[in-house]
N, C-alpha and C. Protein backbone atom coordinates (compact mmCIF):
# COMPACT_ATOMS: atom_id res chain seq x y z
N MET A 1 -42.67 -13.54 -26.38
CA MET A 1 -42.16 -14.50 -25.49
C MET A 1 -40.70 -14.68 -25.52
N LYS A 2 -40.11 -14.69 -26.80
CA LYS A 2 -38.72 -14.90 -26.97
C LYS A 2 -37.96 -13.69 -26.42
N THR A 3 -38.65 -12.40 -26.69
CA THR A 3 -37.92 -11.22 -26.10
C THR A 3 -37.92 -11.17 -24.65
N THR A 4 -39.03 -11.68 -24.01
CA THR A 4 -39.02 -11.65 -22.58
C THR A 4 -37.96 -12.71 -21.97
N LYS A 5 -37.77 -13.84 -22.65
CA LYS A 5 -36.74 -14.78 -22.16
C LYS A 5 -35.33 -14.22 -22.40
N PHE A 6 -35.20 -13.43 -23.53
CA PHE A 6 -33.85 -12.92 -23.78
C PHE A 6 -33.50 -11.84 -22.69
N ILE A 7 -34.52 -11.02 -22.39
CA ILE A 7 -34.20 -10.02 -21.36
C ILE A 7 -33.91 -10.62 -20.01
N LEU A 8 -34.67 -11.68 -19.71
CA LEU A 8 -34.46 -12.34 -18.41
C LEU A 8 -33.15 -12.92 -18.32
N SER A 9 -32.64 -13.55 -19.46
CA SER A 9 -31.30 -14.13 -19.47
C SER A 9 -30.18 -13.17 -19.37
N LEU A 10 -30.47 -11.99 -20.01
CA LEU A 10 -29.48 -10.91 -19.93
C LEU A 10 -29.41 -10.40 -18.52
N LEU A 11 -30.45 -10.21 -17.79
CA LEU A 11 -30.43 -9.86 -16.40
C LEU A 11 -29.70 -10.67 -15.57
N ILE A 12 -29.93 -12.02 -15.68
CA ILE A 12 -29.18 -12.97 -14.90
C ILE A 12 -27.78 -12.95 -15.16
N ALA A 13 -27.30 -12.79 -16.32
CA ALA A 13 -25.94 -12.79 -16.76
C ALA A 13 -25.28 -11.56 -16.09
N ILE A 14 -25.86 -10.38 -16.16
CA ILE A 14 -25.31 -9.18 -15.48
C ILE A 14 -25.21 -9.36 -14.05
N PHE A 15 -26.15 -9.95 -13.44
CA PHE A 15 -26.07 -10.12 -12.01
C PHE A 15 -25.05 -11.05 -11.51
N MET A 16 -24.75 -12.15 -12.36
CA MET A 16 -23.74 -13.12 -12.08
C MET A 16 -22.31 -12.45 -12.18
N VAL A 17 -22.14 -11.64 -13.30
CA VAL A 17 -20.85 -10.97 -13.44
C VAL A 17 -20.58 -10.03 -12.38
N SER A 18 -21.54 -9.17 -11.95
CA SER A 18 -21.31 -8.21 -10.90
C SER A 18 -21.07 -8.87 -9.65
N GLY A 19 -21.66 -9.99 -9.32
CA GLY A 19 -21.51 -10.78 -8.06
C GLY A 19 -20.10 -11.29 -7.95
N CYS A 20 -19.50 -11.65 -9.15
CA CYS A 20 -18.16 -12.24 -9.04
C CYS A 20 -17.14 -11.32 -9.03
N ASN A 21 -17.43 -10.06 -9.29
CA ASN A 21 -16.31 -8.96 -9.31
C ASN A 21 -16.09 -8.36 -8.01
N THR A 22 -15.47 -9.17 -7.09
CA THR A 22 -15.36 -8.78 -5.68
C THR A 22 -14.00 -8.08 -5.38
N VAL A 23 -12.97 -8.28 -6.22
CA VAL A 23 -11.71 -7.67 -5.96
C VAL A 23 -11.18 -7.07 -7.18
N LYS A 24 -10.24 -6.19 -6.96
CA LYS A 24 -9.53 -5.50 -8.06
C LYS A 24 -8.09 -5.27 -7.71
N LYS A 25 -7.19 -5.04 -8.59
CA LYS A 25 -5.85 -4.67 -8.38
C LYS A 25 -5.81 -3.17 -8.26
N ILE A 26 -4.98 -2.75 -7.35
CA ILE A 26 -4.53 -1.24 -7.30
C ILE A 26 -4.01 -0.88 -8.66
N LYS A 27 -4.34 0.34 -9.19
CA LYS A 27 -4.12 0.60 -10.52
C LYS A 27 -2.58 1.02 -10.78
N LYS A 28 -1.93 1.67 -9.76
CA LYS A 28 -0.65 2.15 -10.00
C LYS A 28 0.43 1.11 -10.02
N GLY A 29 1.34 1.14 -11.03
CA GLY A 29 2.45 0.16 -11.07
C GLY A 29 2.09 -1.15 -11.60
N GLY A 30 2.94 -2.06 -11.42
CA GLY A 30 2.79 -3.45 -11.87
C GLY A 30 2.05 -4.31 -10.95
N GLU A 31 2.72 -5.31 -10.48
CA GLU A 31 2.02 -6.34 -9.53
C GLU A 31 1.77 -5.62 -8.20
N LYS A 32 0.53 -5.51 -7.90
CA LYS A 32 0.03 -4.81 -6.74
C LYS A 32 -0.92 -5.74 -5.91
N PRO A 33 -0.94 -5.51 -4.55
CA PRO A 33 -1.78 -6.37 -3.68
C PRO A 33 -3.28 -6.08 -4.09
N LYS A 34 -4.00 -7.18 -3.99
CA LYS A 34 -5.51 -7.07 -4.28
C LYS A 34 -6.18 -6.62 -3.16
N ILE A 35 -7.05 -5.57 -3.38
CA ILE A 35 -7.91 -5.01 -2.18
C ILE A 35 -9.40 -5.05 -2.71
N PHE A 36 -10.23 -5.00 -1.74
CA PHE A 36 -11.68 -5.13 -2.00
C PHE A 36 -12.19 -3.84 -2.46
N LYS A 37 -13.14 -3.99 -3.35
CA LYS A 37 -13.78 -2.66 -3.91
C LYS A 37 -14.60 -2.07 -2.74
N ALA A 38 -14.71 -0.66 -2.96
CA ALA A 38 -15.49 0.01 -1.95
C ALA A 38 -16.97 -0.61 -1.85
N ILE A 39 -17.39 -1.05 -0.73
CA ILE A 39 -18.48 -1.80 -0.62
C ILE A 39 -19.81 -0.94 -0.46
N GLY A 40 -19.56 0.31 -0.14
CA GLY A 40 -20.73 1.21 -0.05
C GLY A 40 -21.46 1.06 1.30
N GLY A 41 -22.55 1.82 1.49
CA GLY A 41 -23.36 1.74 2.75
C GLY A 41 -22.56 2.08 3.98
N LYS A 42 -23.06 1.65 5.11
CA LYS A 42 -22.41 1.91 6.42
C LYS A 42 -21.15 1.17 6.45
N ALA A 43 -20.97 -0.09 5.94
CA ALA A 43 -19.72 -0.74 6.00
C ALA A 43 -18.62 -0.06 5.30
N GLY A 44 -18.93 0.47 4.13
CA GLY A 44 -17.93 1.27 3.38
C GLY A 44 -17.48 2.50 4.04
N LYS A 45 -18.48 3.14 4.65
CA LYS A 45 -18.14 4.34 5.41
C LYS A 45 -17.25 3.99 6.65
N GLN A 46 -17.44 2.88 7.21
CA GLN A 46 -16.62 2.54 8.50
C GLN A 46 -15.24 2.27 8.02
N ILE A 47 -15.03 1.47 6.81
CA ILE A 47 -13.69 1.30 6.41
C ILE A 47 -12.99 2.50 6.02
N ASP A 48 -13.61 3.41 5.33
CA ASP A 48 -13.02 4.67 4.98
C ASP A 48 -12.72 5.40 6.14
N LYS A 49 -13.47 5.47 7.20
CA LYS A 49 -13.11 6.24 8.43
C LYS A 49 -11.94 5.54 9.13
N TYR A 50 -11.89 4.22 9.17
CA TYR A 50 -10.88 3.60 9.72
C TYR A 50 -9.55 3.89 9.08
N MET A 51 -9.52 4.01 7.73
CA MET A 51 -8.26 4.32 7.00
C MET A 51 -7.97 5.83 7.23
N ASP A 52 -9.03 6.73 7.30
CA ASP A 52 -8.81 8.19 7.57
C ASP A 52 -8.06 8.42 8.92
N VAL A 53 -8.53 7.72 9.89
CA VAL A 53 -8.00 7.93 11.27
C VAL A 53 -6.62 7.39 11.31
N GLN A 54 -6.27 6.25 10.61
CA GLN A 54 -4.94 5.74 10.50
C GLN A 54 -4.03 6.81 9.78
N LEU A 55 -4.49 7.30 8.73
CA LEU A 55 -3.75 8.42 8.02
C LEU A 55 -3.45 9.54 8.83
N GLU A 56 -4.46 9.95 9.64
CA GLU A 56 -4.10 11.17 10.54
C GLU A 56 -3.08 10.86 11.45
N ASN A 57 -3.02 9.66 12.05
CA ASN A 57 -1.98 9.21 12.99
C ASN A 57 -0.67 9.18 12.30
N LEU A 58 -0.67 8.62 11.15
CA LEU A 58 0.65 8.49 10.41
C LEU A 58 1.24 9.87 10.10
N SER A 59 0.40 10.82 9.69
CA SER A 59 0.86 12.06 9.32
C SER A 59 1.38 12.86 10.53
N LYS A 60 0.88 12.56 11.70
CA LYS A 60 1.26 13.24 12.91
C LYS A 60 2.60 12.69 13.35
N GLU A 61 2.90 11.35 13.15
CA GLU A 61 4.10 10.77 13.69
C GLU A 61 5.28 10.83 12.74
N LEU A 62 5.06 10.89 11.37
CA LEU A 62 6.07 10.80 10.36
C LEU A 62 6.29 12.10 9.77
N GLU A 63 7.35 12.75 10.06
CA GLU A 63 7.71 14.10 9.59
C GLU A 63 8.40 14.01 8.13
N ASN A 64 9.09 12.92 7.92
CA ASN A 64 9.91 12.77 6.74
C ASN A 64 9.14 11.91 5.67
N ALA A 65 7.97 12.03 5.57
CA ALA A 65 7.20 11.11 4.58
C ALA A 65 6.09 11.92 3.92
N SER A 66 5.68 11.46 2.83
CA SER A 66 4.48 12.12 2.20
C SER A 66 3.34 11.10 2.08
N PHE A 67 2.16 11.46 1.97
CA PHE A 67 1.03 10.57 2.10
C PHE A 67 0.04 10.87 0.96
N ASP A 68 -0.62 9.78 0.54
CA ASP A 68 -1.71 9.89 -0.33
C ASP A 68 -2.77 8.80 0.02
N LYS A 69 -4.03 9.18 -0.12
CA LYS A 69 -5.06 8.17 0.14
C LYS A 69 -5.71 7.83 -1.20
N GLU A 70 -5.78 6.55 -1.55
CA GLU A 70 -6.35 6.11 -2.84
C GLU A 70 -7.47 5.12 -2.48
N LYS A 71 -8.70 5.70 -2.38
CA LYS A 71 -9.83 4.83 -1.96
C LYS A 71 -9.58 4.12 -0.60
N GLU A 72 -9.43 2.79 -0.63
CA GLU A 72 -9.22 2.12 0.76
C GLU A 72 -7.76 2.09 1.10
N MET A 73 -6.89 2.65 0.22
CA MET A 73 -5.47 2.35 0.43
C MET A 73 -4.68 3.68 0.80
N ILE A 74 -3.72 3.57 1.78
CA ILE A 74 -2.87 4.67 2.06
C ILE A 74 -1.53 4.42 1.47
N ARG A 75 -1.03 5.41 0.87
CA ARG A 75 0.40 5.19 0.32
C ARG A 75 1.30 6.21 1.11
N VAL A 76 2.28 5.61 1.74
CA VAL A 76 3.29 6.47 2.49
C VAL A 76 4.57 6.29 1.79
N THR A 77 5.22 7.47 1.35
CA THR A 77 6.39 7.51 0.55
C THR A 77 7.62 8.17 1.27
N PHE A 78 8.70 7.42 1.36
CA PHE A 78 10.00 8.05 1.88
C PHE A 78 10.97 8.03 0.70
N GLU A 79 11.64 9.26 0.59
CA GLU A 79 12.69 9.24 -0.34
C GLU A 79 13.82 8.32 0.27
N THR A 80 14.45 7.63 -0.64
CA THR A 80 15.43 6.62 -0.08
C THR A 80 16.67 7.29 0.57
N GLY A 81 16.87 8.64 0.28
CA GLY A 81 17.89 9.33 0.84
C GLY A 81 17.69 9.56 2.36
N VAL A 82 16.38 9.46 2.80
CA VAL A 82 15.84 9.55 4.21
C VAL A 82 16.23 8.25 4.92
N LEU A 83 16.19 7.15 4.20
CA LEU A 83 16.30 5.89 4.83
C LEU A 83 17.78 5.25 4.67
N PHE A 84 18.34 5.51 3.46
CA PHE A 84 19.56 4.67 3.11
C PHE A 84 20.77 5.57 2.63
N ALA A 85 21.98 5.03 2.84
CA ALA A 85 23.08 5.67 2.31
C ALA A 85 23.21 5.30 0.78
N LEU A 86 23.95 6.03 -0.02
CA LEU A 86 24.04 5.77 -1.49
C LEU A 86 24.39 4.35 -1.74
N ASN A 87 23.65 3.70 -2.56
CA ASN A 87 23.88 2.27 -3.02
C ASN A 87 23.89 1.26 -1.94
N SER A 88 23.21 1.61 -0.82
CA SER A 88 23.08 0.69 0.34
C SER A 88 21.67 0.28 0.67
N ALA A 89 21.50 -0.87 1.24
CA ALA A 89 20.16 -1.23 1.65
C ALA A 89 20.18 -1.38 3.20
N ASP A 90 21.16 -0.81 3.81
CA ASP A 90 21.24 -0.82 5.34
C ASP A 90 20.54 0.49 5.98
N LEU A 91 19.60 0.22 6.69
CA LEU A 91 18.94 1.33 7.45
C LEU A 91 19.84 2.07 8.35
N GLY A 92 19.92 3.42 8.27
CA GLY A 92 20.64 4.19 9.23
C GLY A 92 19.88 4.46 10.56
N ILE A 93 20.57 5.27 11.39
CA ILE A 93 19.83 5.56 12.75
C ILE A 93 18.58 6.28 12.58
N MET A 94 18.61 7.38 11.66
CA MET A 94 17.43 8.17 11.53
C MET A 94 16.25 7.35 10.79
N ALA A 95 16.71 6.51 9.85
CA ALA A 95 15.80 5.63 9.08
C ALA A 95 15.08 4.64 10.15
N LYS A 96 15.82 4.10 11.09
CA LYS A 96 15.32 3.19 12.02
C LYS A 96 14.24 4.00 12.99
N ALA A 97 14.59 5.18 13.23
CA ALA A 97 13.57 6.00 14.08
C ALA A 97 12.30 6.18 13.37
N ASN A 98 12.37 6.49 12.04
CA ASN A 98 11.14 6.68 11.22
C ASN A 98 10.38 5.42 11.09
N ILE A 99 11.07 4.36 10.89
CA ILE A 99 10.38 3.03 10.70
C ILE A 99 9.81 2.55 12.03
N THR A 100 10.40 2.89 13.18
CA THR A 100 9.87 2.54 14.49
C THR A 100 8.58 3.24 14.72
N LYS A 101 8.53 4.64 14.34
CA LYS A 101 7.26 5.38 14.51
C LYS A 101 6.19 4.78 13.62
N LEU A 102 6.55 4.37 12.38
CA LEU A 102 5.63 3.74 11.43
C LEU A 102 5.07 2.47 12.09
N ALA A 103 5.90 1.62 12.57
CA ALA A 103 5.50 0.35 13.22
C ALA A 103 4.59 0.64 14.28
N ALA A 104 4.68 1.61 15.14
CA ALA A 104 3.87 1.88 16.20
C ALA A 104 2.41 2.18 15.74
N VAL A 105 2.31 2.91 14.69
CA VAL A 105 1.00 3.27 14.13
C VAL A 105 0.37 1.99 13.54
N LEU A 106 1.11 1.26 12.74
CA LEU A 106 0.67 0.10 12.05
C LEU A 106 0.06 -0.85 13.13
N ASP A 107 0.70 -1.08 14.24
CA ASP A 107 0.28 -1.96 15.28
C ASP A 107 -1.07 -1.61 15.90
N LYS A 108 -1.45 -0.29 15.85
CA LYS A 108 -2.76 0.15 16.31
C LYS A 108 -3.89 -0.22 15.37
N TYR A 109 -3.53 -0.48 14.07
CA TYR A 109 -4.52 -0.84 13.09
C TYR A 109 -4.21 -2.15 12.38
N SER A 110 -4.35 -3.22 13.23
CA SER A 110 -3.84 -4.56 12.89
C SER A 110 -4.71 -5.16 11.71
N ASP A 111 -5.84 -4.58 11.46
CA ASP A 111 -6.67 -5.25 10.41
C ASP A 111 -6.38 -4.72 8.94
N THR A 112 -5.12 -4.38 8.82
CA THR A 112 -4.69 -3.88 7.40
C THR A 112 -3.58 -4.78 6.99
N LYS A 113 -3.33 -4.71 5.65
CA LYS A 113 -2.20 -5.40 4.99
C LYS A 113 -1.17 -4.35 4.64
N ILE A 114 0.14 -4.70 4.41
CA ILE A 114 1.12 -3.76 4.15
C ILE A 114 2.07 -4.36 3.03
N GLN A 115 2.22 -3.55 1.97
CA GLN A 115 3.19 -3.97 0.95
C GLN A 115 4.34 -2.86 0.86
N VAL A 116 5.60 -3.28 1.00
CA VAL A 116 6.68 -2.42 0.96
C VAL A 116 7.32 -2.53 -0.44
N GLU A 117 7.36 -1.34 -1.15
CA GLU A 117 7.90 -1.30 -2.44
C GLU A 117 9.22 -0.52 -2.50
N GLY A 118 10.20 -1.01 -3.23
CA GLY A 118 11.40 -0.30 -3.33
C GLY A 118 11.52 0.12 -4.92
N HIS A 119 12.02 1.33 -5.12
CA HIS A 119 12.10 2.00 -6.39
C HIS A 119 13.46 2.70 -6.56
N ALA A 120 13.94 2.68 -7.80
CA ALA A 120 15.21 3.37 -8.15
C ALA A 120 15.01 4.31 -9.23
N ASP A 121 16.03 5.10 -9.57
CA ASP A 121 16.06 5.99 -10.76
C ASP A 121 16.68 5.16 -11.87
N ASN A 122 16.91 5.81 -13.02
CA ASN A 122 17.34 5.05 -14.27
C ASN A 122 18.85 5.15 -14.45
N THR A 123 19.54 5.69 -13.46
CA THR A 123 21.08 5.72 -13.62
C THR A 123 21.69 4.42 -13.21
N GLY A 124 22.82 4.17 -13.75
CA GLY A 124 23.50 2.91 -13.40
C GLY A 124 22.94 1.62 -13.97
N ASP A 125 23.43 0.49 -13.61
CA ASP A 125 23.13 -0.82 -14.19
C ASP A 125 21.67 -1.14 -13.79
N ALA A 126 20.84 -1.52 -14.66
CA ALA A 126 19.41 -1.88 -14.41
C ALA A 126 19.34 -3.08 -13.42
N ALA A 127 20.15 -4.05 -13.61
CA ALA A 127 20.08 -5.22 -12.75
C ALA A 127 20.46 -4.92 -11.35
N PHE A 128 21.47 -4.07 -11.16
CA PHE A 128 21.88 -3.60 -9.82
C PHE A 128 20.66 -2.83 -9.12
N ASN A 129 20.10 -1.86 -9.92
CA ASN A 129 18.97 -1.07 -9.40
C ASN A 129 17.87 -2.04 -8.97
N GLN A 130 17.60 -3.02 -9.73
CA GLN A 130 16.49 -3.97 -9.39
C GLN A 130 16.81 -4.66 -8.09
N THR A 131 18.00 -5.16 -7.95
CA THR A 131 18.38 -5.87 -6.71
C THR A 131 18.37 -4.94 -5.53
N LEU A 132 18.88 -3.64 -5.73
CA LEU A 132 18.96 -2.72 -4.64
C LEU A 132 17.55 -2.30 -4.16
N SER A 133 16.69 -2.05 -5.12
CA SER A 133 15.27 -1.74 -4.73
C SER A 133 14.61 -2.91 -3.99
N SER A 134 14.84 -4.11 -4.36
CA SER A 134 14.26 -5.21 -3.64
C SER A 134 14.82 -5.30 -2.30
N ASP A 135 16.17 -5.18 -2.14
CA ASP A 135 16.86 -5.32 -0.87
C ASP A 135 16.40 -4.21 0.04
N ARG A 136 16.17 -3.12 -0.43
CA ARG A 136 15.75 -1.90 0.45
C ARG A 136 14.30 -2.13 0.96
N ALA A 137 13.42 -2.72 0.09
CA ALA A 137 12.17 -3.10 0.59
C ALA A 137 12.05 -4.11 1.68
N LYS A 138 13.01 -5.07 1.49
CA LYS A 138 13.10 -6.25 2.40
C LYS A 138 13.65 -5.67 3.82
N SER A 139 14.55 -4.71 3.69
CA SER A 139 15.23 -4.18 4.99
C SER A 139 14.09 -3.44 5.72
N VAL A 140 13.26 -2.67 5.08
CA VAL A 140 12.18 -1.90 5.73
C VAL A 140 11.13 -2.98 6.40
N ALA A 141 10.82 -3.90 5.62
CA ALA A 141 9.97 -4.96 6.05
C ALA A 141 10.53 -5.77 7.30
N SER A 142 11.78 -6.05 7.24
CA SER A 142 12.45 -6.86 8.31
C SER A 142 12.52 -5.96 9.60
N PHE A 143 12.73 -4.69 9.37
CA PHE A 143 12.74 -3.85 10.53
C PHE A 143 11.34 -3.59 11.22
N LEU A 144 10.29 -3.57 10.41
CA LEU A 144 8.97 -3.58 10.82
C LEU A 144 8.60 -4.76 11.67
N ILE A 145 9.01 -5.90 11.08
CA ILE A 145 8.81 -7.06 11.90
C ILE A 145 9.52 -7.18 13.16
N SER A 146 10.74 -6.60 13.17
CA SER A 146 11.50 -6.52 14.56
C SER A 146 10.87 -5.70 15.53
N LYS A 147 10.04 -4.77 15.04
CA LYS A 147 9.36 -3.85 15.94
C LYS A 147 7.89 -4.24 16.30
N GLY A 148 7.61 -5.48 15.87
CA GLY A 148 6.33 -6.09 16.34
C GLY A 148 5.31 -6.23 15.40
N VAL A 149 5.49 -5.82 14.09
CA VAL A 149 4.49 -5.86 13.00
C VAL A 149 4.41 -7.24 12.56
N ASP A 150 3.20 -7.85 12.59
CA ASP A 150 3.03 -9.38 12.16
C ASP A 150 3.60 -9.45 10.85
N SER A 151 4.44 -10.47 10.60
CA SER A 151 4.96 -10.73 9.33
C SER A 151 3.95 -11.24 8.20
N SER A 152 2.81 -11.84 8.77
CA SER A 152 1.75 -12.23 7.82
C SER A 152 1.02 -11.06 7.21
N ARG A 153 1.28 -9.89 7.67
CA ARG A 153 0.58 -8.70 7.11
C ARG A 153 1.48 -8.12 5.95
N LEU A 154 2.73 -8.44 5.86
CA LEU A 154 3.68 -7.81 5.06
C LEU A 154 4.00 -8.61 3.70
N SER A 155 4.31 -7.78 2.74
CA SER A 155 4.84 -8.42 1.42
C SER A 155 5.78 -7.29 0.98
N THR A 156 6.74 -7.69 0.20
CA THR A 156 7.71 -6.79 -0.46
C THR A 156 7.87 -7.02 -1.88
N VAL A 157 8.20 -5.94 -2.56
CA VAL A 157 8.54 -6.01 -4.05
C VAL A 157 9.47 -4.95 -4.41
N GLY A 158 10.48 -5.16 -5.33
CA GLY A 158 11.38 -4.21 -5.77
C GLY A 158 11.10 -3.98 -7.31
N TYR A 159 10.89 -2.72 -7.55
CA TYR A 159 10.61 -2.38 -9.01
C TYR A 159 11.78 -1.72 -9.74
N GLY A 160 12.90 -1.67 -9.17
CA GLY A 160 13.99 -1.07 -9.94
C GLY A 160 13.61 0.36 -10.46
N SER A 161 13.87 0.62 -11.66
CA SER A 161 13.56 1.93 -12.21
C SER A 161 12.29 1.87 -13.09
N SER A 162 11.53 0.79 -13.04
CA SER A 162 10.40 0.58 -13.98
C SER A 162 9.17 1.34 -13.54
N GLN A 163 9.12 1.97 -12.34
CA GLN A 163 7.92 2.74 -11.96
C GLN A 163 8.32 4.14 -11.36
N PRO A 164 8.96 4.98 -12.24
CA PRO A 164 9.22 6.37 -11.86
C PRO A 164 7.97 7.18 -11.53
N LYS A 165 8.12 8.05 -10.46
CA LYS A 165 7.11 9.03 -10.19
C LYS A 165 7.09 10.16 -11.22
N VAL A 166 8.24 10.52 -11.63
CA VAL A 166 8.40 11.65 -12.49
C VAL A 166 9.49 11.21 -13.52
N ASP A 167 9.71 12.00 -14.56
CA ASP A 167 10.82 11.62 -15.48
C ASP A 167 12.16 11.85 -14.88
N ASN A 168 13.17 11.08 -15.40
CA ASN A 168 14.46 11.09 -14.82
C ASN A 168 15.48 12.18 -15.42
N SER A 169 14.86 13.34 -15.84
CA SER A 169 15.62 14.24 -16.69
C SER A 169 16.49 15.16 -15.77
N THR A 170 16.31 15.32 -14.50
CA THR A 170 16.99 16.12 -13.52
C THR A 170 17.36 15.37 -12.40
N SER A 171 18.44 15.90 -11.67
CA SER A 171 18.91 15.30 -10.48
C SER A 171 17.82 15.27 -9.43
N ALA A 172 17.10 16.37 -9.42
CA ALA A 172 15.96 16.50 -8.38
C ALA A 172 14.90 15.41 -8.69
N ASN A 173 14.65 15.28 -9.86
CA ASN A 173 13.56 14.23 -10.23
C ASN A 173 14.01 12.85 -9.92
N ARG A 174 15.39 12.58 -10.24
CA ARG A 174 15.89 11.20 -9.92
C ARG A 174 15.86 10.99 -8.40
N ALA A 175 16.04 11.98 -7.67
CA ALA A 175 15.91 11.85 -6.13
C ALA A 175 14.58 11.48 -5.75
N LEU A 176 13.59 12.05 -6.39
CA LEU A 176 12.16 11.57 -6.14
C LEU A 176 11.85 10.22 -6.49
N ASN A 177 12.49 9.74 -7.56
CA ASN A 177 12.38 8.34 -8.06
C ASN A 177 12.94 7.37 -7.19
N ARG A 178 14.07 7.77 -6.40
CA ARG A 178 14.68 6.84 -5.53
C ARG A 178 13.94 6.82 -4.21
N ARG A 179 13.08 5.82 -3.98
CA ARG A 179 12.15 5.93 -2.94
C ARG A 179 11.63 4.55 -2.51
N VAL A 180 11.07 4.60 -1.20
CA VAL A 180 10.39 3.35 -0.66
C VAL A 180 8.91 3.77 -0.37
N GLU A 181 8.05 3.03 -0.88
CA GLU A 181 6.57 3.30 -0.64
C GLU A 181 5.94 2.22 0.12
N ILE A 182 5.19 2.57 1.16
CA ILE A 182 4.47 1.64 2.09
C ILE A 182 2.92 1.77 1.64
N LEU A 183 2.46 0.63 1.09
CA LEU A 183 0.96 0.56 0.83
C LEU A 183 0.27 -0.15 1.94
N ILE A 184 -0.73 0.52 2.44
CA ILE A 184 -1.54 0.05 3.58
C ILE A 184 -2.92 -0.07 2.99
N TYR A 185 -3.53 -1.32 3.13
CA TYR A 185 -4.93 -1.49 2.59
C TYR A 185 -5.70 -2.52 3.48
N PRO A 186 -7.03 -2.53 3.33
CA PRO A 186 -7.91 -3.28 4.30
C PRO A 186 -7.61 -4.81 4.01
N SER A 187 -7.59 -5.54 5.13
CA SER A 187 -7.64 -6.98 5.03
C SER A 187 -9.01 -7.49 4.83
N GLU A 188 -9.04 -8.75 4.55
CA GLU A 188 -10.44 -9.36 4.32
C GLU A 188 -11.07 -9.28 5.71
N THR A 189 -10.41 -9.44 6.78
CA THR A 189 -10.93 -9.50 8.18
C THR A 189 -11.55 -8.08 8.37
N LEU A 190 -10.85 -7.04 8.00
CA LEU A 190 -11.45 -5.75 8.18
C LEU A 190 -12.87 -5.52 7.47
N VAL A 191 -12.87 -6.03 6.16
CA VAL A 191 -14.14 -5.91 5.45
C VAL A 191 -15.17 -6.67 6.07
N LYS A 192 -14.84 -7.96 6.66
CA LYS A 192 -15.91 -8.71 7.27
C LYS A 192 -16.40 -8.04 8.52
N LYS A 193 -15.54 -7.36 9.25
CA LYS A 193 -15.85 -6.70 10.52
C LYS A 193 -16.87 -5.50 10.05
N ALA A 194 -16.38 -4.83 9.06
CA ALA A 194 -17.15 -3.63 8.63
C ALA A 194 -18.67 -4.02 8.21
N LYS A 195 -18.74 -5.13 7.57
CA LYS A 195 -20.04 -5.59 7.08
C LYS A 195 -21.00 -6.07 8.24
N SER A 196 -20.24 -6.47 9.28
CA SER A 196 -21.07 -6.93 10.51
C SER A 196 -21.24 -5.84 11.53
N GLY A 197 -20.59 -4.63 11.23
CA GLY A 197 -20.77 -3.49 12.12
C GLY A 197 -19.88 -3.49 13.29
N VAL A 198 -18.77 -4.35 13.39
CA VAL A 198 -17.98 -4.56 14.46
C VAL A 198 -17.00 -3.38 14.67
N ILE A 199 -16.48 -2.79 13.55
CA ILE A 199 -15.42 -1.77 13.79
C ILE A 199 -15.92 -0.46 14.09
N GLY A 200 -17.30 -0.26 14.05
CA GLY A 200 -17.87 1.01 14.43
C GLY A 200 -17.53 1.54 15.78
N GLY A 201 -17.38 0.62 16.70
CA GLY A 201 -17.18 1.06 18.12
C GLY A 201 -15.75 1.47 18.46
N ILE A 202 -14.74 1.14 17.53
CA ILE A 202 -13.41 1.51 17.77
C ILE A 202 -12.95 2.76 17.06
N LEU A 203 -13.80 3.37 16.31
CA LEU A 203 -13.44 4.56 15.58
C LEU A 203 -13.75 5.84 16.34
């Protein structure tokens, strides 16, 4: 009898823990936006397809960027040399053209959230690099807003040199570490739509 009660209590505890574990942080880097776990079934497949179609559109429109898909999240990476002059947070003409194309695609998939990250290499003053990376992220976000992306979808963060992609041992590697990354991930609204089967008709 005691064994039966113990097993029953254990099963209830496992159920409660699994039911509460509804969100997780994206693994790469420090403070990241929270996204929903893959929910599986038809809803999960709809979200995955929604993000795949968005990624296909992004890769067609943006020639000067690289792309990675990490479960529900799309990571778009620009080398800062594509966007900014040395030690500047002001977007150039070509940069604005790139961000305008990005904004057009983001507008088509409004049920996503966007975090803009600024990164630097390890040369120069750490405090300066931190401020510069933050200002560059804010410049990209501000320009996206000016092109019609809803500000409520956007957040920014500057990581300075704390999140290198590769080691800073060569000038080529340092160039890769000077970058802006755009993280695109499902909103709670998209998850709810997927669970109710609403987004199936737009894919």
